[in-house]
């Protein structure tokens, strides 16, 4: 299985859904973890999210 962005179950770019699907985790748990980490990371999590949004291919 390959790490991809989700085209169908997404809120913004589909990165959290792609990570959840790849590891077999709940997509909402990954989104919640992202939201909790956002203010704690001084923008690092947001930068990683957008980098992954650009680099990861969409699932087909």
Protein backbone atom coordinates (compact mmCIF):
# COMPACT_ATOMS: atom_id res chain seq x y z
CA UNK A 1 0.00 0.00 0.00
CA UNK A 2 1.24 3.46 -0.89
CA UNK A 3 0.85 6.70 1.10
CA UNK A 4 -1.46 8.99 -0.88
CA UNK A 5 -3.85 11.88 -0.31
CA UNK A 6 -7.52 11.00 -0.23
CA UNK A 7 -9.67 12.48 -2.98
CA UNK A 8 -12.99 11.58 -1.42
CA UNK A 9 -12.69 11.74 2.38
CA UNK A 10 -11.00 15.10 2.79
CA UNK A 11 -11.48 18.38 4.56
CA UNK A 12 -8.69 20.45 3.04
CA UNK A 13 -6.06 18.56 1.03
CA UNK A 14 -6.77 14.96 2.10
CA UNK A 15 -3.45 14.49 3.88
CA UNK A 16 -4.93 13.44 7.25
CA UNK A 17 -7.25 10.94 5.54
CA UNK A 18 -4.36 9.54 3.54
CA UNK A 19 -2.27 9.07 6.68
CA UNK A 20 -5.20 7.48 8.50
CA UNK A 21 -5.90 5.08 5.64
CA UNK A 22 -2.23 4.15 5.27
CA UNK A 23 -1.72 3.26 8.94
CA UNK A 24 -5.23 1.90 9.52
CA UNK A 25 -6.12 4.65 11.99
CA UNK A 26 -9.34 6.62 12.27
CA UNK A 27 -9.22 9.63 9.95
CA UNK A 28 -10.93 11.76 12.58
CA UNK A 29 -8.28 10.78 15.15
CA UNK A 30 -5.53 11.91 12.76
CA UNK A 31 -7.38 15.20 12.16
CA UNK A 32 -7.83 15.74 15.90
CA UNK A 33 -4.13 15.05 16.52
CA UNK A 34 -3.28 17.55 13.78
CA UNK A 35 -5.53 20.21 15.32
CA UNK A 36 -4.09 19.66 18.81
CA UNK A 37 -0.53 19.83 17.49
CA UNK A 38 -1.16 22.99 15.49
CA UNK A 39 -0.87 25.56 18.31
CA UNK A 40 1.85 23.57 20.07
CA UNK A 41 4.24 23.43 17.13
CA UNK A 42 4.62 27.11 16.18
CA UNK A 43 3.59 26.41 12.58
CA UNK A 44 5.75 23.34 11.96
CA UNK A 45 2.76 20.98 11.70
CA UNK A 46 1.04 23.31 9.24
CA UNK A 47 4.19 23.54 7.10
CA UNK A 48 4.54 19.73 7.06
CA UNK A 49 0.85 19.41 6.14
CA UNK A 50 1.22 21.68 3.10
CA UNK A 51 4.48 20.02 2.03
CA UNK A 52 2.77 16.62 2.15
CA UNK A 53 -0.21 18.11 0.31
CA UNK A 54 2.11 19.07 -2.52
CA UNK A 55 4.31 15.95 -2.57
CA UNK A 56 1.81 13.13 -2.00
CA UNK A 57 -0.07 11.89 -5.04
CA UNK A 58 -3.87 11.64 -5.00
CA UNK A 59 -5.38 8.19 -4.71
CA UNK A 60 -7.28 6.96 -7.73
